[in-house]
N, C-alpha and C. Protein backbone atom coordinates (compact mmCIF):
# COMPACT_ATOMS: atom_id res chain seq x y z
N MET A 1 -19.15 -25.82 -7.81
CA MET A 1 -19.28 -26.33 -9.37
C MET A 1 -20.54 -26.64 -9.81
N PHE A 2 -20.30 -26.80 -11.48
CA PHE A 2 -21.55 -27.04 -12.23
C PHE A 2 -21.44 -27.93 -13.18
N ASP A 3 -23.00 -28.76 -12.72
CA ASP A 3 -22.75 -29.58 -13.98
C ASP A 3 -23.67 -28.99 -15.18
N LEU A 4 -23.81 -29.88 -16.35
CA LEU A 4 -23.88 -28.67 -17.61
C LEU A 4 -25.36 -29.37 -18.08
N ASP A 5 -25.62 -30.65 -18.05
CA ASP A 5 -26.97 -31.26 -19.22
C ASP A 5 -28.14 -30.84 -18.35
N ASN A 6 -29.28 -29.97 -18.44
CA ASN A 6 -30.54 -29.63 -17.68
C ASN A 6 -29.98 -28.63 -15.96
N THR A 7 -28.77 -28.04 -15.97
CA THR A 7 -28.53 -27.42 -15.27
C THR A 7 -28.47 -26.37 -16.01
N LEU A 8 -27.11 -25.77 -16.68
CA LEU A 8 -26.93 -24.72 -17.54
C LEU A 8 -27.53 -24.57 -18.84
N HIS A 9 -28.20 -25.93 -18.95
CA HIS A 9 -29.43 -25.36 -20.53
C HIS A 9 -30.02 -26.76 -20.38
N ASP A 10 -31.07 -26.46 -21.43
CA ASP A 10 -31.89 -27.67 -21.45
C ASP A 10 -31.29 -28.36 -22.54
N ALA A 11 -31.33 -29.35 -21.44
CA ALA A 11 -30.78 -30.97 -23.07
C ALA A 11 -31.85 -31.43 -23.22
N SER A 12 -33.29 -31.49 -22.49
CA SER A 12 -34.01 -32.82 -22.42
C SER A 12 -35.02 -32.57 -23.74
N ARG A 13 -35.45 -31.30 -24.31
CA ARG A 13 -36.10 -31.02 -25.33
C ARG A 13 -35.39 -31.68 -26.47
N HIS A 14 -33.81 -31.32 -27.06
CA HIS A 14 -33.59 -31.87 -28.17
C HIS A 14 -32.68 -32.56 -28.02
N ILE A 15 -31.45 -32.34 -27.23
CA ILE A 15 -30.23 -33.07 -26.91
C ILE A 15 -30.27 -34.50 -26.38
N PHE A 16 -31.22 -34.50 -25.12
CA PHE A 16 -30.83 -35.90 -24.87
C PHE A 16 -31.88 -36.63 -25.44
N PRO A 17 -32.83 -36.67 -25.92
CA PRO A 17 -33.47 -37.30 -27.28
C PRO A 17 -32.09 -37.98 -28.16
N ARG A 18 -31.60 -36.89 -28.87
CA ARG A 18 -30.96 -37.65 -29.93
C ARG A 18 -29.96 -38.88 -29.09
N ILE A 19 -29.21 -37.95 -27.95
CA ILE A 19 -27.95 -38.97 -27.49
C ILE A 19 -28.82 -40.49 -27.30
N GLY A 20 -30.33 -40.10 -26.61
CA GLY A 20 -30.63 -41.89 -26.62
C GLY A 20 -30.64 -42.71 -27.74
N ARG A 21 -31.42 -42.04 -28.65
CA ARG A 21 -31.36 -42.73 -29.64
C ARG A 21 -30.19 -43.27 -30.43
N ALA A 22 -29.04 -42.51 -30.49
CA ALA A 22 -27.54 -43.02 -30.62
C ALA A 22 -27.26 -44.20 -30.08
N MET A 23 -27.29 -43.91 -28.21
CA MET A 23 -27.04 -44.80 -27.82
C MET A 23 -27.59 -46.28 -28.16
N MET A 24 -28.83 -46.33 -28.22
CA MET A 24 -29.53 -47.42 -28.62
C MET A 24 -29.06 -48.01 -29.72
N ALA A 25 -29.09 -47.43 -30.65
CA ALA A 25 -28.29 -47.83 -31.83
C ALA A 25 -27.11 -48.36 -31.62
N TYR A 26 -25.96 -47.73 -31.07
CA TYR A 26 -24.90 -48.54 -30.52
C TYR A 26 -25.02 -49.46 -29.99
N ILE A 27 -25.91 -49.90 -29.29
CA ILE A 27 -25.97 -50.71 -27.67
C ILE A 27 -26.08 -52.40 -28.80
N CYS A 28 -27.25 -51.61 -29.77
CA CYS A 28 -27.98 -52.80 -30.58
C CYS A 28 -26.71 -53.54 -31.48
N GLN A 29 -26.16 -52.54 -32.00
CA GLN A 29 -25.22 -52.71 -33.35
C GLN A 29 -23.88 -53.74 -32.61
N HIS A 30 -22.88 -53.35 -31.75
CA HIS A 30 -21.66 -53.42 -31.27
C HIS A 30 -21.98 -54.51 -30.15
N LEU A 31 -23.56 -54.47 -29.80
CA LEU A 31 -23.82 -55.89 -28.75
C LEU A 31 -24.88 -56.60 -29.16
N ASP A 32 -24.81 -56.99 -30.56
CA ASP A 32 -26.15 -57.65 -30.99
C ASP A 32 -27.35 -57.71 -30.39
N VAL A 33 -27.53 -56.86 -30.01
CA VAL A 33 -29.26 -57.12 -29.13
C VAL A 33 -30.18 -56.09 -29.99
N GLU A 34 -31.56 -56.73 -29.64
CA GLU A 34 -32.60 -56.25 -30.01
C GLU A 34 -32.79 -54.92 -29.28
N GLU A 35 -33.85 -53.78 -29.98
CA GLU A 35 -34.17 -52.72 -29.10
C GLU A 35 -34.56 -53.12 -27.53
N SER A 36 -35.41 -54.02 -27.36
CA SER A 36 -35.96 -53.97 -26.11
C SER A 36 -35.04 -54.50 -25.21
N GLU A 37 -34.32 -55.25 -25.57
CA GLU A 37 -33.13 -55.58 -24.23
C GLU A 37 -31.73 -54.83 -24.51
N ALA A 38 -31.48 -53.43 -25.39
CA ALA A 38 -30.91 -52.38 -25.05
C ALA A 38 -31.21 -51.15 -24.60
N THR A 39 -32.62 -51.24 -24.83
CA THR A 39 -33.66 -50.82 -23.96
C THR A 39 -33.15 -51.25 -22.11
N ARG A 40 -33.53 -51.98 -21.68
CA ARG A 40 -32.95 -52.85 -20.50
C ARG A 40 -32.02 -52.48 -19.94
N LEU A 41 -30.80 -52.79 -20.86
CA LEU A 41 -29.81 -52.62 -20.48
C LEU A 41 -29.21 -50.94 -19.99
N ARG A 42 -29.79 -50.20 -20.72
CA ARG A 42 -29.44 -48.45 -20.88
C ARG A 42 -30.26 -48.26 -19.28
N GLN A 43 -31.19 -48.77 -18.95
CA GLN A 43 -32.01 -48.46 -17.90
C GLN A 43 -31.09 -48.96 -16.51
N THR A 44 -30.86 -50.52 -16.73
CA THR A 44 -29.99 -51.13 -15.84
C THR A 44 -28.53 -50.33 -15.54
N TYR A 45 -28.03 -50.29 -16.37
CA TYR A 45 -26.94 -49.49 -15.98
C TYR A 45 -26.95 -47.62 -15.12
N TRP A 46 -28.07 -47.20 -15.79
CA TRP A 46 -28.16 -46.11 -15.36
C TRP A 46 -28.95 -46.16 -14.15
N ASN A 47 -29.40 -46.74 -13.56
CA ASN A 47 -29.97 -46.97 -12.28
C ASN A 47 -28.84 -47.21 -11.42
N ARG A 48 -27.62 -48.67 -11.37
CA ARG A 48 -26.90 -48.92 -11.04
C ARG A 48 -25.71 -48.03 -10.69
N TYR A 49 -25.14 -47.54 -11.93
CA TYR A 49 -23.95 -46.52 -12.27
C TYR A 49 -24.10 -44.81 -12.28
N GLY A 50 -25.42 -44.81 -12.61
CA GLY A 50 -25.41 -43.27 -12.97
C GLY A 50 -24.83 -43.16 -14.16
N ALA A 51 -24.59 -43.89 -15.04
CA ALA A 51 -23.90 -43.67 -15.93
C ALA A 51 -24.49 -45.15 -17.28
N THR A 52 -24.82 -45.24 -18.16
CA THR A 52 -25.13 -46.47 -18.89
C THR A 52 -23.68 -46.46 -19.45
N LEU A 53 -22.44 -45.64 -19.91
CA LEU A 53 -20.88 -45.79 -20.17
C LEU A 53 -21.10 -46.87 -19.28
N LEU A 54 -20.38 -46.45 -17.94
CA LEU A 54 -19.87 -47.43 -16.83
C LEU A 54 -20.14 -48.82 -17.12
N GLY A 55 -21.71 -48.66 -17.15
CA GLY A 55 -21.82 -50.41 -17.23
C GLY A 55 -21.38 -50.79 -18.32
N LEU A 56 -21.67 -50.49 -19.43
CA LEU A 56 -21.00 -51.29 -21.16
C LEU A 56 -19.60 -51.27 -20.51
N MET A 57 -18.79 -50.53 -19.77
CA MET A 57 -17.59 -50.93 -19.92
C MET A 57 -17.07 -51.95 -18.90
N ARG A 58 -17.82 -52.03 -17.37
CA ARG A 58 -17.74 -53.14 -16.89
C ARG A 58 -18.28 -54.35 -17.17
N HIS A 59 -19.14 -54.28 -17.58
CA HIS A 59 -19.84 -55.91 -18.05
C HIS A 59 -19.45 -56.45 -19.67
N HIS A 60 -19.62 -55.39 -20.48
CA HIS A 60 -19.20 -55.62 -21.90
C HIS A 60 -17.65 -55.01 -22.55
N GLY A 61 -16.73 -54.76 -21.67
CA GLY A 61 -15.50 -54.26 -22.36
C GLY A 61 -15.70 -53.26 -23.09
N THR A 62 -16.70 -52.08 -23.26
CA THR A 62 -16.84 -51.01 -24.51
C THR A 62 -15.62 -49.80 -24.17
N ASN A 63 -15.44 -49.94 -25.22
CA ASN A 63 -14.39 -49.12 -25.44
C ASN A 63 -14.74 -47.32 -25.22
N PRO A 64 -14.45 -47.06 -24.16
CA PRO A 64 -15.09 -45.55 -23.56
C PRO A 64 -15.42 -44.51 -24.91
N VAL A 65 -14.32 -44.61 -25.32
CA VAL A 65 -14.15 -43.01 -26.19
C VAL A 65 -14.79 -43.14 -27.27
N HIS A 66 -14.39 -44.47 -27.87
CA HIS A 66 -15.63 -44.94 -29.49
C HIS A 66 -16.97 -45.12 -29.16
N PHE A 67 -16.89 -44.97 -27.43
CA PHE A 67 -18.82 -44.74 -27.41
C PHE A 67 -19.12 -43.68 -27.52
N LEU A 68 -18.28 -42.83 -26.79
CA LEU A 68 -19.00 -41.24 -26.52
C LEU A 68 -18.22 -40.96 -27.93
N HIS A 69 -17.73 -41.14 -28.75
CA HIS A 69 -17.22 -40.31 -29.99
C HIS A 69 -18.95 -40.35 -30.68
N HIS A 70 -19.24 -42.01 -31.53
CA HIS A 70 -20.49 -42.32 -31.78
C HIS A 70 -21.83 -41.55 -31.32
N THR A 71 -21.60 -41.35 -30.14
CA THR A 71 -23.46 -41.09 -29.13
C THR A 71 -23.38 -39.39 -29.15
N HIS A 72 -22.47 -39.24 -29.02
CA HIS A 72 -22.24 -37.61 -28.88
C HIS A 72 -22.19 -36.55 -30.44
N GLN A 73 -22.94 -37.02 -31.38
CA GLN A 73 -22.05 -36.36 -32.93
C GLN A 73 -23.17 -35.13 -32.69
N PHE A 74 -22.90 -33.95 -32.79
CA PHE A 74 -23.98 -32.59 -33.24
C PHE A 74 -23.63 -31.39 -33.68
N PRO A 75 -23.49 -32.38 -35.13
CA PRO A 75 -22.83 -30.79 -36.10
C PRO A 75 -24.08 -29.55 -36.27
N ASP A 76 -25.20 -30.08 -36.00
CA ASP A 76 -26.25 -29.07 -35.55
C ASP A 76 -26.31 -28.37 -34.28
N LEU A 77 -25.63 -28.73 -33.57
CA LEU A 77 -25.31 -28.17 -31.87
C LEU A 77 -26.21 -26.85 -32.06
N GLY A 78 -25.56 -25.60 -32.40
CA GLY A 78 -26.37 -24.46 -32.58
C GLY A 78 -27.58 -24.17 -32.31
N SER A 79 -28.66 -25.12 -33.08
CA SER A 79 -29.91 -25.41 -33.11
C SER A 79 -30.66 -26.14 -32.28
N LEU A 80 -29.79 -26.52 -31.11
CA LEU A 80 -30.27 -27.53 -30.50
C LEU A 80 -30.08 -26.67 -28.85
N VAL A 81 -29.34 -25.97 -28.60
CA VAL A 81 -29.20 -25.84 -27.39
C VAL A 81 -29.87 -24.67 -27.00
N ILE A 82 -30.63 -24.99 -25.67
CA ILE A 82 -31.38 -23.88 -25.47
C ILE A 82 -31.30 -23.37 -24.08
N ALA A 83 -30.51 -22.07 -23.73
CA ALA A 83 -30.35 -21.65 -22.67
C ALA A 83 -30.50 -20.48 -22.60
N GLU A 84 -30.65 -19.67 -21.11
CA GLU A 84 -31.47 -18.49 -20.83
C GLU A 84 -30.42 -17.45 -21.28
N ARG A 85 -30.88 -16.20 -21.70
CA ARG A 85 -30.19 -15.26 -21.82
C ARG A 85 -29.70 -14.68 -20.72
N ARG A 86 -30.11 -14.27 -20.01
CA ARG A 86 -29.75 -14.03 -18.71
C ARG A 86 -28.37 -14.89 -17.73
N LEU A 87 -28.27 -16.07 -18.72
CA LEU A 87 -27.32 -17.17 -17.72
C LEU A 87 -25.80 -16.16 -17.53
N LYS A 88 -24.99 -16.18 -18.72
CA LYS A 88 -23.86 -15.26 -18.57
C LYS A 88 -23.69 -14.17 -17.56
N THR A 89 -24.82 -13.43 -17.68
CA THR A 89 -25.03 -11.89 -16.44
C THR A 89 -24.73 -13.23 -14.72
N ALA A 90 -25.55 -13.95 -15.10
CA ALA A 90 -26.06 -14.53 -13.52
C ALA A 90 -24.65 -15.49 -12.84
N LEU A 91 -24.02 -15.61 -14.06
CA LEU A 91 -23.04 -16.41 -13.79
C LEU A 91 -21.92 -15.59 -12.96
N HIS A 92 -22.12 -14.37 -13.91
CA HIS A 92 -20.76 -13.10 -13.71
C HIS A 92 -20.89 -13.04 -12.30
N ARG A 93 -22.03 -12.70 -11.69
CA ARG A 93 -22.62 -12.10 -10.35
C ARG A 93 -22.25 -13.13 -9.41
N LEU A 94 -21.77 -14.43 -9.82
CA LEU A 94 -21.59 -15.40 -8.31
C LEU A 94 -19.87 -15.44 -8.41
N PRO A 95 -19.68 -15.44 -6.86
CA PRO A 95 -18.34 -15.17 -6.45
C PRO A 95 -17.70 -16.55 -6.97
N GLY A 96 -16.45 -16.36 -6.65
CA GLY A 96 -15.33 -17.58 -6.54
C GLY A 96 -15.55 -18.21 -7.65
N LYS A 97 -14.97 -19.37 -7.64
CA LYS A 97 -14.08 -20.24 -8.99
C LYS A 97 -14.98 -20.98 -9.25
N LYS A 98 -15.50 -21.11 -10.61
CA LYS A 98 -16.28 -21.64 -11.40
C LYS A 98 -15.79 -22.79 -11.66
N ILE A 99 -16.28 -24.57 -11.76
CA ILE A 99 -16.06 -25.42 -12.13
C ILE A 99 -17.42 -26.13 -13.24
N ILE A 100 -16.96 -26.82 -14.23
CA ILE A 100 -17.74 -27.25 -14.90
C ILE A 100 -17.55 -29.08 -14.36
N PHE A 101 -18.50 -29.46 -14.03
CA PHE A 101 -18.07 -31.04 -13.63
C PHE A 101 -18.90 -31.92 -14.37
N SER A 102 -19.53 -32.49 -15.02
CA SER A 102 -20.06 -33.42 -15.87
C SER A 102 -19.95 -34.92 -16.62
N ASN A 103 -20.88 -35.47 -16.46
CA ASN A 103 -20.51 -36.72 -17.04
C ASN A 103 -20.37 -36.94 -18.90
N ALA A 104 -20.84 -35.79 -18.76
CA ALA A 104 -20.61 -35.60 -20.88
C ALA A 104 -19.18 -35.74 -20.80
N PRO A 105 -18.50 -36.16 -22.31
CA PRO A 105 -17.67 -35.72 -23.01
C PRO A 105 -16.78 -34.92 -23.10
N ARG A 106 -15.63 -34.59 -23.38
CA ARG A 106 -14.94 -32.84 -23.51
C ARG A 106 -15.52 -32.34 -24.17
N ARG A 107 -15.46 -33.00 -25.92
CA ARG A 107 -15.83 -31.93 -27.19
C ARG A 107 -17.33 -31.28 -26.83
N TYR A 108 -18.55 -32.56 -26.64
CA TYR A 108 -19.64 -32.07 -26.71
C TYR A 108 -19.48 -30.88 -25.81
N THR A 109 -19.02 -30.70 -23.78
CA THR A 109 -19.41 -29.98 -23.15
C THR A 109 -18.64 -28.97 -23.51
N GLU A 110 -17.14 -29.17 -24.31
CA GLU A 110 -16.98 -27.51 -24.59
C GLU A 110 -17.75 -27.02 -25.75
N SER A 111 -18.56 -27.42 -26.35
CA SER A 111 -19.21 -27.28 -28.02
C SER A 111 -20.54 -26.31 -26.71
N VAL A 112 -20.91 -26.83 -25.81
CA VAL A 112 -22.16 -26.00 -25.14
C VAL A 112 -21.75 -24.90 -24.88
N LEU A 113 -20.79 -24.90 -23.86
CA LEU A 113 -20.23 -23.86 -22.94
C LEU A 113 -20.12 -22.62 -24.17
N GLU A 114 -19.28 -23.07 -25.47
CA GLU A 114 -18.96 -22.01 -26.69
C GLU A 114 -20.56 -21.47 -27.14
N THR A 115 -21.27 -22.72 -27.54
CA THR A 115 -22.23 -21.95 -27.86
C THR A 115 -23.56 -21.23 -26.95
N THR A 116 -23.29 -21.33 -25.74
CA THR A 116 -24.22 -20.66 -24.72
C THR A 116 -23.03 -19.48 -24.45
N GLY A 117 -21.89 -19.12 -24.98
CA GLY A 117 -21.13 -17.78 -24.61
C GLY A 117 -21.12 -17.92 -23.15
N ILE A 118 -21.10 -19.03 -23.02
CA ILE A 118 -20.34 -19.07 -21.30
C ILE A 118 -19.21 -19.67 -20.71
N ARG A 119 -18.39 -20.13 -21.56
CA ARG A 119 -17.15 -21.15 -21.53
C ARG A 119 -15.94 -19.93 -20.84
N SER A 120 -16.08 -18.69 -21.00
CA SER A 120 -15.38 -17.68 -20.11
C SER A 120 -15.89 -17.77 -18.73
N CYS A 121 -16.74 -18.19 -18.38
CA CYS A 121 -17.05 -18.11 -16.58
C CYS A 121 -16.00 -18.94 -15.65
N PHE A 122 -15.68 -20.20 -16.63
CA PHE A 122 -15.23 -21.40 -16.09
C PHE A 122 -13.64 -21.30 -15.97
N ALA A 123 -13.58 -21.59 -14.83
CA ALA A 123 -12.01 -21.51 -14.56
C ALA A 123 -11.61 -23.23 -15.09
N ALA A 124 -12.12 -23.97 -15.02
CA ALA A 124 -12.04 -25.36 -15.58
C ALA A 124 -12.85 -26.26 -15.82
N VAL A 125 -13.03 -27.16 -16.38
CA VAL A 125 -13.56 -27.75 -17.13
C VAL A 125 -13.39 -29.57 -16.98
N TYR A 126 -14.37 -30.34 -16.15
CA TYR A 126 -13.94 -31.91 -15.87
C TYR A 126 -15.09 -32.76 -16.47
N SER A 127 -14.80 -33.05 -17.69
CA SER A 127 -15.51 -34.11 -18.15
C SER A 127 -15.25 -35.46 -17.70
N ILE A 128 -16.42 -36.30 -17.98
CA ILE A 128 -15.73 -38.05 -17.82
C ILE A 128 -14.78 -38.33 -17.86
N GLU A 129 -14.00 -37.86 -19.22
CA GLU A 129 -12.60 -38.59 -19.41
C GLU A 129 -11.39 -37.64 -18.68
N ARG A 130 -11.77 -36.82 -18.36
CA ARG A 130 -10.74 -36.26 -17.35
C ARG A 130 -10.84 -36.64 -16.25
N LEU A 131 -11.81 -37.79 -15.44
CA LEU A 131 -11.75 -38.04 -14.25
C LEU A 131 -12.09 -39.65 -14.90
N ARG A 132 -11.18 -39.87 -15.86
CA ARG A 132 -10.85 -41.34 -16.13
C ARG A 132 -12.16 -42.18 -16.33
N PHE A 133 -13.05 -41.27 -16.38
CA PHE A 133 -14.81 -42.17 -17.02
C PHE A 133 -14.94 -42.76 -15.41
N LYS A 134 -15.28 -41.89 -14.43
CA LYS A 134 -15.84 -42.33 -13.38
C LYS A 134 -16.73 -41.43 -13.01
N PRO A 135 -17.66 -41.42 -13.83
CA PRO A 135 -19.26 -40.47 -13.36
C PRO A 135 -19.51 -40.22 -11.80
N LYS A 136 -20.36 -39.25 -11.88
CA LYS A 136 -20.99 -38.74 -11.04
C LYS A 136 -22.51 -40.10 -10.75
N PRO A 137 -22.60 -40.54 -9.80
CA PRO A 137 -22.56 -40.43 -8.34
C PRO A 137 -21.76 -40.58 -7.79
N ALA A 138 -20.93 -41.70 -8.39
CA ALA A 138 -19.62 -42.39 -7.71
C ALA A 138 -19.04 -41.15 -6.84
N THR A 139 -18.07 -41.63 -5.97
CA THR A 139 -17.28 -40.65 -5.33
C THR A 139 -15.96 -40.35 -5.79
N ALA A 140 -15.66 -41.32 -6.65
CA ALA A 140 -14.33 -41.03 -7.03
C ALA A 140 -14.02 -39.91 -7.90
N GLY A 141 -14.92 -39.60 -8.48
CA GLY A 141 -14.77 -38.42 -9.53
C GLY A 141 -14.48 -37.09 -8.79
N PHE A 142 -15.71 -37.04 -8.02
CA PHE A 142 -15.69 -36.06 -6.94
C PHE A 142 -14.25 -35.68 -6.14
N LEU A 143 -13.85 -36.90 -5.45
CA LEU A 143 -12.37 -36.98 -5.22
C LEU A 143 -11.47 -36.27 -6.08
N GLN A 144 -11.28 -36.98 -7.19
CA GLN A 144 -10.14 -36.35 -8.02
C GLN A 144 -10.50 -35.05 -8.09
N LEU A 145 -11.67 -34.30 -8.72
CA LEU A 145 -11.69 -32.97 -8.96
C LEU A 145 -10.68 -32.24 -7.69
N LEU A 146 -11.72 -32.57 -6.48
CA LEU A 146 -11.34 -31.82 -5.60
C LEU A 146 -9.62 -31.82 -4.90
N ARG A 147 -8.90 -33.04 -5.33
CA ARG A 147 -7.59 -32.74 -5.19
C ARG A 147 -6.94 -32.54 -6.38
N ASN A 148 -7.31 -32.24 -7.54
CA ASN A 148 -6.70 -31.51 -8.54
C ASN A 148 -6.73 -30.46 -8.60
N GLU A 149 -7.73 -29.73 -7.81
CA GLU A 149 -8.30 -28.62 -7.89
C GLU A 149 -7.55 -27.46 -6.10
N ARG A 150 -6.98 -28.27 -5.44
CA ARG A 150 -6.85 -28.42 -3.95
C ARG A 150 -7.80 -27.54 -3.23
N LEU A 151 -9.21 -28.41 -3.08
CA LEU A 151 -10.17 -27.50 -2.67
C LEU A 151 -10.69 -28.50 -1.63
N ALA A 152 -11.18 -27.90 -0.69
CA ALA A 152 -12.21 -28.40 0.44
C ALA A 152 -13.28 -28.44 0.81
N PRO A 153 -13.85 -29.64 0.91
CA PRO A 153 -15.21 -30.11 0.23
C PRO A 153 -16.45 -28.88 0.88
N ARG A 154 -15.97 -28.50 1.91
CA ARG A 154 -16.81 -27.08 3.47
C ARG A 154 -16.81 -25.76 2.32
N ASN A 155 -16.07 -25.66 1.24
CA ASN A 155 -15.56 -24.63 0.31
C ASN A 155 -16.49 -24.36 -0.69
N CYS A 156 -16.79 -26.15 -1.21
CA CYS A 156 -17.33 -25.82 -2.34
C CYS A 156 -19.19 -25.90 -2.42
N ILE A 157 -19.93 -25.45 -3.37
CA ILE A 157 -21.34 -25.51 -3.82
C ILE A 157 -21.43 -26.53 -4.98
N MET A 158 -22.13 -27.22 -4.79
CA MET A 158 -22.28 -28.19 -5.72
C MET A 158 -23.89 -27.83 -6.48
N ILE A 159 -23.95 -27.17 -7.58
CA ILE A 159 -25.12 -27.10 -8.63
C ILE A 159 -25.27 -27.79 -9.47
N GLU A 160 -26.62 -29.05 -9.22
CA GLU A 160 -26.98 -30.02 -10.01
C GLU A 160 -28.47 -29.95 -10.47
N ASP A 161 -28.90 -30.51 -11.44
CA ASP A 161 -30.44 -31.07 -11.74
C ASP A 161 -30.62 -32.80 -11.18
N THR A 162 -29.69 -33.70 -10.54
CA THR A 162 -29.57 -34.62 -10.26
C THR A 162 -29.57 -35.05 -9.02
N LEU A 163 -30.91 -35.64 -8.32
CA LEU A 163 -30.06 -35.85 -6.73
C LEU A 163 -29.31 -36.32 -6.00
N ALA A 164 -29.66 -37.44 -7.25
CA ALA A 164 -28.12 -39.06 -6.28
C ALA A 164 -26.80 -38.07 -6.41
N ASN A 165 -26.53 -37.20 -7.71
CA ASN A 165 -25.39 -36.56 -7.82
C ASN A 165 -25.10 -35.82 -6.39
N LEU A 166 -26.09 -34.78 -5.85
CA LEU A 166 -26.50 -34.19 -4.63
C LEU A 166 -26.22 -34.27 -3.52
N LYS A 167 -26.64 -35.72 -3.65
CA LYS A 167 -26.35 -36.49 -2.28
C LYS A 167 -24.87 -36.86 -1.99
N THR A 168 -24.18 -37.41 -3.20
CA THR A 168 -22.51 -37.47 -2.78
C THR A 168 -21.90 -36.13 -2.40
N ALA A 169 -22.60 -35.25 -2.98
CA ALA A 169 -21.77 -34.00 -2.53
C ALA A 169 -22.14 -33.83 -1.47
N LYS A 170 -23.20 -33.83 -0.76
CA LYS A 170 -23.42 -33.76 0.32
C LYS A 170 -22.73 -34.12 1.73
N ARG A 171 -22.92 -36.00 1.14
CA ARG A 171 -21.73 -36.97 2.06
C ARG A 171 -20.74 -36.26 2.46
N LEU A 172 -19.80 -35.50 1.11
CA LEU A 172 -18.87 -35.48 0.84
C LEU A 172 -18.28 -34.08 2.02
N GLY A 173 -19.65 -32.71 1.90
CA GLY A 173 -19.36 -31.87 2.82
C GLY A 173 -19.59 -30.51 2.41
N MET A 174 -19.89 -30.85 0.89
CA MET A 174 -20.36 -29.62 -0.07
C MET A 174 -21.84 -28.92 0.22
N LYS A 175 -22.15 -27.76 0.49
CA LYS A 175 -23.47 -27.21 0.00
C LYS A 175 -23.89 -27.45 -1.43
N THR A 176 -25.10 -27.94 -1.37
CA THR A 176 -25.98 -28.43 -2.48
C THR A 176 -27.28 -27.27 -2.90
N VAL A 177 -27.19 -27.22 -4.23
CA VAL A 177 -28.14 -26.79 -5.12
C VAL A 177 -29.28 -27.59 -6.09
N TRP A 178 -30.09 -27.79 -5.90
CA TRP A 178 -31.05 -28.44 -7.10
C TRP A 178 -31.80 -28.06 -7.72
N VAL A 179 -31.20 -27.86 -8.96
CA VAL A 179 -32.08 -26.92 -10.04
C VAL A 179 -33.15 -27.79 -11.02
N SER A 180 -34.63 -27.29 -10.03
CA SER A 180 -35.58 -28.22 -10.43
C SER A 180 -36.67 -27.32 -10.02
N ALA A 181 -37.55 -27.89 -10.88
CA ALA A 181 -38.98 -27.24 -10.77
C ALA A 181 -40.05 -28.21 -9.87
N GLY A 182 -39.32 -28.84 -9.08
CA GLY A 182 -40.00 -29.60 -8.12
C GLY A 182 -40.62 -28.75 -6.75
N THR A 183 -41.19 -29.18 -5.70
CA THR A 183 -41.92 -28.31 -4.79
C THR A 183 -41.37 -28.73 -3.48
N ARG A 184 -40.99 -30.06 -3.60
CA ARG A 184 -40.21 -30.45 -2.14
C ARG A 184 -38.69 -30.65 -2.44
N ARG A 185 -38.09 -30.31 -1.42
CA ARG A 185 -36.54 -30.13 -1.01
C ARG A 185 -35.97 -30.75 0.18
N PRO A 186 -35.58 -31.81 -0.71
CA PRO A 186 -35.15 -33.28 -0.04
C PRO A 186 -33.87 -32.72 0.95
N PRO A 187 -33.61 -33.41 2.57
CA PRO A 187 -32.78 -32.94 3.46
C PRO A 187 -31.10 -32.57 3.16
N TYR A 188 -30.86 -33.32 1.86
CA TYR A 188 -29.59 -33.15 1.40
C TYR A 188 -28.88 -31.79 0.82
N VAL A 189 -30.42 -31.10 0.19
CA VAL A 189 -30.37 -30.30 -0.79
C VAL A 189 -30.49 -28.68 0.62
N ASP A 190 -29.62 -28.03 0.27
CA ASP A 190 -29.31 -26.34 1.05
C ASP A 190 -30.50 -25.80 0.16
N VAL A 191 -30.15 -25.67 -0.96
CA VAL A 191 -31.49 -24.57 -1.72
C VAL A 191 -32.17 -25.26 -2.84
N MET A 192 -32.99 -24.83 -3.54
CA MET A 192 -33.86 -24.91 -4.66
C MET A 192 -33.96 -23.89 -5.62
N VAL A 193 -33.50 -24.05 -7.06
CA VAL A 193 -34.12 -23.14 -7.82
C VAL A 193 -34.66 -23.77 -8.86
N SER A 194 -35.28 -22.76 -9.49
CA SER A 194 -36.07 -23.52 -10.81
C SER A 194 -35.11 -22.88 -12.24
N SER A 195 -34.08 -22.01 -11.72
CA SER A 195 -33.12 -21.87 -12.95
C SER A 195 -32.04 -21.31 -11.89
N VAL A 196 -30.54 -21.48 -12.76
CA VAL A 196 -29.62 -21.00 -11.98
C VAL A 196 -29.73 -19.57 -12.56
N VAL A 197 -30.05 -18.47 -12.75
CA VAL A 197 -30.32 -17.37 -12.99
C VAL A 197 -31.18 -16.65 -11.66
N ASP A 198 -31.58 -17.73 -10.89
CA ASP A 198 -31.93 -17.14 -9.85
C ASP A 198 -31.40 -17.29 -8.45
N LEU A 199 -30.32 -18.27 -9.11
CA LEU A 199 -29.14 -18.11 -7.68
C LEU A 199 -28.62 -17.20 -7.37
N PRO A 200 -27.82 -15.93 -7.86
CA PRO A 200 -27.43 -15.26 -7.00
C PRO A 200 -28.40 -14.04 -6.11
N ARG A 201 -29.64 -13.97 -6.37
CA ARG A 201 -30.64 -13.75 -5.28
C ARG A 201 -30.23 -14.78 -4.36
N ARG A 202 -30.08 -15.65 -3.88
CA ARG A 202 -30.48 -17.21 -3.29
C ARG A 202 -28.97 -16.98 -2.58
N LEU A 203 -27.96 -17.09 -2.65
CA LEU A 203 -26.41 -16.99 -2.14
C LEU A 203 -26.81 -17.10 -0.83
N ARG A 204 -27.51 -16.07 0.24
CA ARG A 204 -27.24 -15.49 1.24
C ARG A 204 -28.00 -16.96 2.28
N GLU A 205 -28.75 -18.15 1.38
CA GLU A 205 -29.05 -18.86 2.05
C GLU A 205 -28.32 -20.25 2.03
N LEU A 206 -27.12 -19.77 1.62
CA LEU A 206 -25.80 -20.92 1.56
C LEU A 206 -24.71 -20.26 2.58
């Protein structure tokens, strides 16, 4: 199972700043708060729930479809996505069924996969809508995906850039791969790679 943003492509340079600004504007407008309060709410909900959206839904009754639509507008997506040229080749070298498991909305997720030319590498895509707005790192989304795909955790590998999500995966019994440029490997991470393109040669370690 693969995360999307900052796992299969670099979202930090262009995409995340755009999403951040859009979320800020949305919160300010729909909750009628100043930017300082919007920033505080975003950080609080991210830390508590792993996703700003979940906090907005629980505490403010925000419509998730409306929120995701207005915060993920990318008519120029092709000029924003940064992915390695060898990514598709590396994915094809990896055995087994490949699934996208992302907290991002489906339209955005599918667009990124098409833009990078790797959509055909994946048998299924689980975006936040398909998981009934139960984002990682909460266990519920993981369990729903496993049930839907009839997978046993011990037969799965979670490839992610976010440690909290890997911690849940490991607790459920999955193997874990952390996509990071860091140097310290937490005990719940089985393998660290700086890029997914390095994963085929590290498979023996899993």
